[in-house]
Amino acid sequence: SGRNITAYLSIPATVPAPAVILLHGGYGLTEVYRSRATTYSEQGFVALAVDLFDGETATTLDQALSLVGRANVFPEHSTETLVAWIDWLKADARTTKKIAAIGWSFGATWALIASSVSALDAAILYYGGTNIYSIDLTGLKAPVLGHFGERDTDPHPNSVRRFAAEMAKEGKAIDVRWYDADHAFDNPM
């Protein structure tokens, strides 16, 4: 569409390598996610932390909710961004063409969407918001690994169990891991 999109790329010492596309939480592409990209590349992955907020980040919960709300009003922008970056990774000679999407909170929803609109090899979810369960699963192509907190309220564990049951009913592969934790337990901030 002619929009400029950005991401943070970290390349491992040995290429070609499998790729991971990292999808940030509600505060945007902060240092947390750029640092995660570096960590994944040190573990042997081409790591691309994608910006779904067009360069904006939040420092308060109200700002984060505003950014998430804007992104949810125009989901076609985020979908277009993801497809463009996934296609870019598949075309890049430094990748093996194997790609997983990893999303945290807001980004978990987009990891599922990415797997629904592109052929990915895995989708990894860290918690997620309530809207994660409104996604049409029919197009989901990748197996899903979900990490959820037993004390989380968004999503509530009962919602996660319903989601996993719906995935199984649709014949989709899902592995749910539970942690004695609240929301955002994997965020060092």
C-alpha atoms as a PDB file:
ATOM      1  CA  SER A   1       0.000   0.000   0.000  1.00  0.00           C
ATOM      2  CA  GLY A   2       3.040   2.264   0.087  1.00  0.00           C
ATOM      3  CA  ARG A   3       3.225   2.537   3.904  1.00  0.00           C
ATOM      4  CA  ASN A   4       6.670   2.460   5.485  1.00  0.00           C
ATOM      5  CA  ILE A   5       7.117  -0.393   7.946  1.00  0.00           C
ATOM      6  CA  THR A   6       9.916  -1.037  10.394  1.00  0.00           C
ATOM      7  CA  ALA A   7      11.376  -3.874  12.419  1.00  0.00           C
ATOM      8  CA  TYR A   8      14.504  -4.762  14.361  1.00  0.00           C
ATOM      9  CA  LEU A   9      16.597  -7.524  12.762  1.00  0.00           C
ATOM     10  CA  SER A  10      19.237  -9.630  14.503  1.00  0.00           C
ATOM     11  CA  ILE A  11      21.261 -12.188  12.527  1.00  0.00           C
ATOM     12  CA  PRO A  12      22.942 -15.270  14.049  1.00  0.00           C
ATOM     13  CA  ALA A  13      26.597 -16.122  13.524  1.00  0.00           C
ATOM     14  CA  THR A  14      25.723 -19.013  11.189  1.00  0.00           C
ATOM     15  CA  VAL A  15      23.310 -18.638   8.296  1.00  0.00           C
ATOM     16  CA  PRO A  16      21.105 -19.793   6.757  1.00  0.00           C
ATOM     17  CA  ALA A  17      19.056 -20.314   9.912  1.00  0.00           C
ATOM     18  CA  PRO A  18      15.395 -20.708  10.844  1.00  0.00           C
ATOM     19  CA  ALA A  19      13.614 -17.431  11.556  1.00  0.00           C
ATOM     20  CA  VAL A  20      11.398 -16.107  14.320  1.00  0.00           C
ATOM     21  CA  ILE A  21       9.147 -13.108  13.935  1.00  0.00           C
ATOM     22  CA  LEU A  22       8.625 -11.422  17.310  1.00  0.00           C
ATOM     23  CA  LEU A  23       5.363  -9.595  17.976  1.00  0.00           C
ATOM     24  CA  HIS A  24       5.394  -7.050  20.786  1.00  0.00           C
ATOM     25  CA  GLY A  25       2.902  -6.422  23.548  1.00  0.00           C
ATOM     26  CA  GLY A  26       0.767  -3.332  24.017  1.00  0.00           C
ATOM     27  CA  TYR A  27       3.662  -0.992  24.770  1.00  0.00           C
ATOM     28  CA  GLY A  28       5.084  -1.406  21.276  1.00  0.00           C
ATOM     29  CA  LEU A  29       8.492  -2.312  19.907  1.00  0.00           C
ATOM     30  CA  THR A  30      10.420  -1.396  23.040  1.00  0.00           C
ATOM     31  CA  GLU A  31      13.947  -2.334  24.070  1.00  0.00           C
ATOM     32  CA  VAL A  32      12.493  -5.508  25.641  1.00  0.00           C
ATOM     33  CA  TYR A  33      11.633  -6.914  22.201  1.00  0.00           C
ATOM     34  CA  ARG A  34      14.781  -5.677  20.482  1.00  0.00           C
ATOM     35  CA  SER A  35      16.742  -7.404  23.244  1.00  0.00           C
ATOM     36  CA  ARG A  36      14.734 -10.596  22.722  1.00  0.00           C
ATOM     37  CA  ALA A  37      15.615 -10.498  19.030  1.00  0.00           C
ATOM     38  CA  THR A  38      19.288 -10.347  19.970  1.00  0.00           C
ATOM     39  CA  THR A  39      18.857 -13.254  22.387  1.00  0.00           C
ATOM     40  CA  TYR A  40      17.124 -15.384  19.754  1.00  0.00           C
ATOM     41  CA  SER A  41      19.866 -14.651  17.215  1.00  0.00           C
ATOM     42  CA  GLU A  42      22.471 -15.686  19.789  1.00  0.00           C
ATOM     43  CA  GLN A  43      20.552 -18.980  19.984  1.00  0.00           C
ATOM     44  CA  GLY A  44      20.876 -19.468  16.216  1.00  0.00           C
ATOM     45  CA  PHE A  45      17.734 -17.847  14.771  1.00  0.00           C
ATOM     46  CA  VAL A  46      17.269 -15.010  12.325  1.00  0.00           C
ATOM     47  CA  ALA A  47      15.145 -12.831  14.619  1.00  0.00           C
ATOM     48  CA  LEU A  48      12.883 -10.057  13.395  1.00  0.00           C
ATOM     49  CA  ALA A  49      11.011  -7.946  15.974  1.00  0.00           C
ATOM     50  CA  VAL A  50       8.197  -6.313  14.003  1.00  0.00           C
ATOM     51  CA  ASP A  51       6.709  -2.910  14.789  1.00  0.00           C
ATOM     52  CA  LEU A  52       2.903  -3.021  14.601  1.00  0.00           C
ATOM     53  CA  PHE A  53       2.474   0.542  15.971  1.00  0.00           C
ATOM     54  CA  ASP A  54       4.249   2.486  13.194  1.00  0.00           C
ATOM     55  CA  GLY A  55       7.094   3.680  15.392  1.00  0.00           C
ATOM     56  CA  GLU A  56       5.059   4.617  18.457  1.00  0.00           C
ATOM     57  CA  THR A  57       5.670   3.180  21.917  1.00  0.00           C
ATOM     58  CA  ALA A  58       3.895   3.683  25.231  1.00  0.00           C
ATOM     59  CA  THR A  59       5.208   4.433  28.688  1.00  0.00           C
ATOM     60  CA  THR A  60       1.858   4.248  30.520  1.00  0.00           C
ATOM     61  CA  LEU A  61      -1.005   1.766  30.492  1.00  0.00           C
ATOM     62  CA  ASP A  62      -3.367   4.401  29.066  1.00  0.00           C
ATOM     63  CA  GLN A  63      -0.983   5.046  26.167  1.00  0.00           C
ATOM     64  CA  ALA A  64      -0.638   1.293  25.563  1.00  0.00           C
ATOM     65  CA  LEU A  65      -4.409   0.833  25.523  1.00  0.00           C
ATOM     66  CA  SER A  66      -4.697   3.686  23.025  1.00  0.00           C
ATOM     67  CA  LEU A  67      -2.098   2.114  20.697  1.00  0.00           C
ATOM     68  CA  VAL A  68      -3.754  -1.312  20.930  1.00  0.00           C
ATOM     69  CA  GLY A  69      -7.167   0.256  20.290  1.00  0.00           C
ATOM     70  CA  ARG A  70      -5.906   2.033  17.178  1.00  0.00           C
ATOM     71  CA  ALA A  71      -4.294  -1.153  15.869  1.00  0.00           C
ATOM     72  CA  ASN A  72      -7.508  -3.090  16.463  1.00  0.00           C
ATOM     73  CA  VAL A  73      -9.566  -0.493  14.560  1.00  0.00           C
ATOM     74  CA  PHE A  74      -7.361  -0.962  11.484  1.00  0.00           C
ATOM     75  CA  PRO A  75      -6.345  -4.659  11.597  1.00  0.00           C
ATOM     76  CA  GLU A  76      -5.646  -4.643   7.858  1.00  0.00           C
ATOM     77  CA  HIS A  77      -2.565  -2.467   8.512  1.00  0.00           C
ATOM     78  CA  SER A  78      -1.071  -4.965  10.958  1.00  0.00           C
ATOM     79  CA  THR A  79      -1.985  -7.892   8.714  1.00  0.00           C
ATOM     80  CA  GLU A  80      -0.331  -6.187   5.738  1.00  0.00           C
ATOM     81  CA  THR A  81       2.771  -5.491   7.854  1.00  0.00           C
ATOM     82  CA  LEU A  82       3.028  -9.110   8.985  1.00  0.00           C
ATOM     83  CA  VAL A  83       2.554 -10.571   5.518  1.00  0.00           C
ATOM     84  CA  ALA A  84       5.182  -8.208   4.094  1.00  0.00           C
ATOM     85  CA  TRP A  85       7.753  -9.164   6.747  1.00  0.00           C
ATOM     86  CA  ILE A  86       7.004 -12.891   6.506  1.00  0.00           C
ATOM     87  CA  ASP A  87       7.412 -12.745   2.721  1.00  0.00           C
ATOM     88  CA  TRP A  88      10.640 -10.789   3.222  1.00  0.00           C
ATOM     89  CA  LEU A  89      11.990 -13.436   5.627  1.00  0.00           C
ATOM     90  CA  LYS A  90      11.051 -16.243   3.232  1.00  0.00           C
ATOM     91  CA  ALA A  91      12.911 -14.482   0.417  1.00  0.00           C
ATOM     92  CA  ASP A  92      15.995 -13.658   2.498  1.00  0.00           C
ATOM     93  CA  ALA A  93      18.923 -15.997   1.741  1.00  0.00           C
ATOM     94  CA  ARG A  94      19.935 -15.903   5.417  1.00  0.00           C
ATOM     95  CA  THR A  95      16.863 -17.958   6.403  1.00  0.00           C
ATOM     96  CA  THR A  96      16.054 -21.621   5.884  1.00  0.00           C
ATOM     97  CA  LYS A  97      12.469 -20.518   5.058  1.00  0.00           C
ATOM     98  CA  LYS A  98      11.270 -22.083   8.348  1.00  0.00           C
ATOM     99  CA  ILE A  99       9.504 -19.348  10.310  1.00  0.00           C
ATOM    100  CA  ALA A 100       7.739 -19.209  13.672  1.00  0.00           C
ATOM    101  CA  ALA A 101       5.735 -16.300  15.063  1.00  0.00           C
ATOM    102  CA  ILE A 102       6.139 -15.531  18.764  1.00  0.00           C
ATOM    103  CA  GLY A 103       3.747 -13.043  20.362  1.00  0.00           C
ATOM    104  CA  TRP A 104       3.362 -11.563  23.817  1.00  0.00           C
ATOM    105  CA  SER A 105      -0.014 -10.263  25.059  1.00  0.00           C
ATOM    106  CA  PHE A 106      -1.291  -8.052  22.190  1.00  0.00           C
ATOM    107  CA  GLY A 107       1.258  -9.779  19.940  1.00  0.00           C
ATOM    108  CA  ALA A 108      -0.077 -13.255  20.778  1.00  0.00           C
ATOM    109  CA  THR A 109      -3.241 -12.474  18.851  1.00  0.00           C
ATOM    110  CA  TRP A 110      -1.107 -11.397  15.915  1.00  0.00           C
ATOM    111  CA  ALA A 111       0.973 -14.577  16.085  1.00  0.00           C
ATOM    112  CA  LEU A 112      -2.244 -16.524  15.481  1.00  0.00           C
ATOM    113  CA  ILE A 113      -3.340 -14.164  12.719  1.00  0.00           C
ATOM    114  CA  ALA A 114       0.093 -14.419  11.079  1.00  0.00           C
ATOM    115  CA  SER A 115      -0.269 -18.183  11.033  1.00  0.00           C
ATOM    116  CA  SER A 116      -3.722 -17.838   9.503  1.00  0.00           C
ATOM    117  CA  VAL A 117      -2.635 -15.594   6.627  1.00  0.00           C
ATOM    118  CA  SER A 118       0.811 -17.120   5.919  1.00  0.00           C
ATOM    119  CA  ALA A 119       2.250 -20.604   5.987  1.00  0.00           C
ATOM    120  CA  LEU A 120       4.280 -20.578   9.199  1.00  0.00           C
ATOM    121  CA  ASP A 121       5.886 -23.499  10.982  1.00  0.00           C
ATOM    122  CA  ALA A 122       4.742 -22.582  14.503  1.00  0.00           C
ATOM    123  CA  ALA A 123       2.896 -19.968  16.530  1.00  0.00           C
ATOM    124  CA  ILE A 124       4.005 -19.379  20.110  1.00  0.00           C
ATOM    125  CA  LEU A 125       1.750 -17.408  22.436  1.00  0.00           C
ATOM    126  CA  TYR A 126       2.643 -15.768  25.716  1.00  0.00           C
ATOM    127  CA  TYR A 127      -0.689 -15.077  27.396  1.00  0.00           C
ATOM    128  CA  GLY A 128      -2.699 -12.796  25.134  1.00  0.00           C
ATOM    129  CA  GLY A 129      -5.728 -10.624  25.518  1.00  0.00           C
ATOM    130  CA  THR A 130      -9.400 -11.498  25.580  1.00  0.00           C
ATOM    131  CA  ASN A 131      -9.718 -10.824  21.838  1.00  0.00           C
ATOM    132  CA  ILE A 132      -7.398 -13.749  21.099  1.00  0.00           C
ATOM    133  CA  TYR A 133     -10.409 -16.028  21.289  1.00  0.00           C
ATOM    134  CA  SER A 134     -12.405 -14.260  18.590  1.00  0.00           C
ATOM    135  CA  ILE A 135     -10.009 -15.292  15.826  1.00  0.00           C
ATOM    136  CA  ASP A 136     -11.335 -17.497  13.029  1.00  0.00           C
ATOM    137  CA  LEU A 137      -9.319 -20.694  13.401  1.00  0.00           C
ATOM    138  CA  THR A 138     -10.208 -22.249  10.056  1.00  0.00           C
ATOM    139  CA  GLY A 139      -7.200 -20.723   8.290  1.00  0.00           C
ATOM    140  CA  LEU A 140      -4.733 -21.494  11.088  1.00  0.00           C
ATOM    141  CA  LYS A 141      -1.931 -23.512   9.541  1.00  0.00           C
ATOM    142  CA  ALA A 142       0.728 -23.885  12.243  1.00  0.00           C
ATOM    143  CA  PRO A 143       0.812 -25.833  15.478  1.00  0.00           C
ATOM    144  CA  VAL A 144       0.398 -23.571  18.519  1.00  0.00           C
ATOM    145  CA  LEU A 145       2.328 -23.531  21.788  1.00  0.00           C
ATOM    146  CA  GLY A 146       0.693 -21.371  24.456  1.00  0.00           C
ATOM    147  CA  HIS A 147       2.182 -20.151  27.738  1.00  0.00           C
ATOM    148  CA  PHE A 148      -0.471 -18.956  30.203  1.00  0.00           C
ATOM    149  CA  GLY A 149      -0.668 -17.804  33.806  1.00  0.00           C
ATOM    150  CA  GLU A 150      -2.972 -19.642  36.177  1.00  0.00           C
ATOM    151  CA  ARG A 151      -3.743 -16.345  37.991  1.00  0.00           C
ATOM    152  CA  ASP A 152      -4.181 -14.266  34.828  1.00  0.00           C
ATOM    153  CA  THR A 153      -7.497 -12.523  34.255  1.00  0.00           C
ATOM    154  CA  ASP A 154      -6.860 -11.477  30.633  1.00  0.00           C
ATOM    155  CA  PRO A 155      -7.158 -14.139  29.417  1.00  0.00           C
ATOM    156  CA  HIS A 156      -8.801 -16.024  32.242  1.00  0.00           C
ATOM    157  CA  PRO A 157      -7.729 -19.692  32.491  1.00  0.00           C
ATOM    158  CA  ASN A 158     -11.294 -20.824  31.696  1.00  0.00           C
ATOM    159  CA  SER A 159     -11.149 -18.836  28.451  1.00  0.00           C
ATOM    160  CA  VAL A 160      -7.836 -20.494  27.581  1.00  0.00           C
ATOM    161  CA  ARG A 161      -9.339 -23.939  28.208  1.00  0.00           C
ATOM    162  CA  ARG A 162     -12.313 -23.133  25.943  1.00  0.00           C
ATOM    163  CA  PHE A 163      -9.931 -21.851  23.290  1.00  0.00           C
ATOM    164  CA  ALA A 164      -7.814 -25.031  23.489  1.00  0.00           C
ATOM    165  CA  ALA A 165     -10.967 -27.169  23.248  1.00  0.00           C
ATOM    166  CA  GLU A 166     -12.110 -25.204  20.183  1.00  0.00           C
ATOM    167  CA  MET A 167      -8.674 -25.657  18.612  1.00  0.00           C
ATOM    168  CA  ALA A 168      -8.856 -29.417  19.222  1.00  0.00           C
ATOM    169  CA  LYS A 169     -12.408 -29.535  17.834  1.00  0.00           C
ATOM    170  CA  GLU A 170     -11.156 -27.810  14.654  1.00  0.00           C
ATOM    171  CA  GLY A 171      -8.325 -30.356  14.380  1.00  0.00           C
ATOM    172  CA  LYS A 172      -5.658 -27.737  15.153  1.00  0.00           C
ATOM    173  CA  ALA A 173      -2.558 -28.673  17.150  1.00  0.00           C
ATOM    174  CA  ILE A 174      -2.139 -26.843  20.454  1.00  0.00           C
ATOM    175  CA  ASP A 175       0.087 -27.446  23.460  1.00  0.00           C
ATOM    176  CA  VAL A 176      -0.865 -25.337  26.504  1.00  0.00           C
ATOM    177  CA  ARG A 177       1.664 -24.768  29.288  1.00  0.00           C
ATOM    178  CA  TRP A 178       0.537 -23.348  32.629  1.00  0.00           C
ATOM    179  CA  TYR A 179       2.562 -21.222  35.040  1.00  0.00           C
ATOM    180  CA  ASP A 180       1.853 -20.117  38.604  1.00  0.00           C
ATOM    181  CA  ALA A 181       1.734 -16.506  37.461  1.00  0.00           C
ATOM    182  CA  ASP A 182      -0.317 -13.431  36.569  1.00  0.00           C
ATOM    183  CA  HIS A 183      -0.389 -11.676  33.197  1.00  0.00           C
ATOM    184  CA  ALA A 184       2.884 -10.572  31.578  1.00  0.00           C
ATOM    185  CA  PHE A 185       4.946 -13.057  33.597  1.00  0.00           C
ATOM    186  CA  ASP A 186       7.489 -13.299  30.775  1.00  0.00           C
ATOM    187  CA  ASN A 187       8.068  -9.538  30.606  1.00  0.00           C
ATOM    188  CA  PRO A 188      11.169  -8.427  32.549  1.00  0.00           C
ATOM    189  CA  MET A 189       9.706  -4.914  32.911  1.00  0.00           C
END
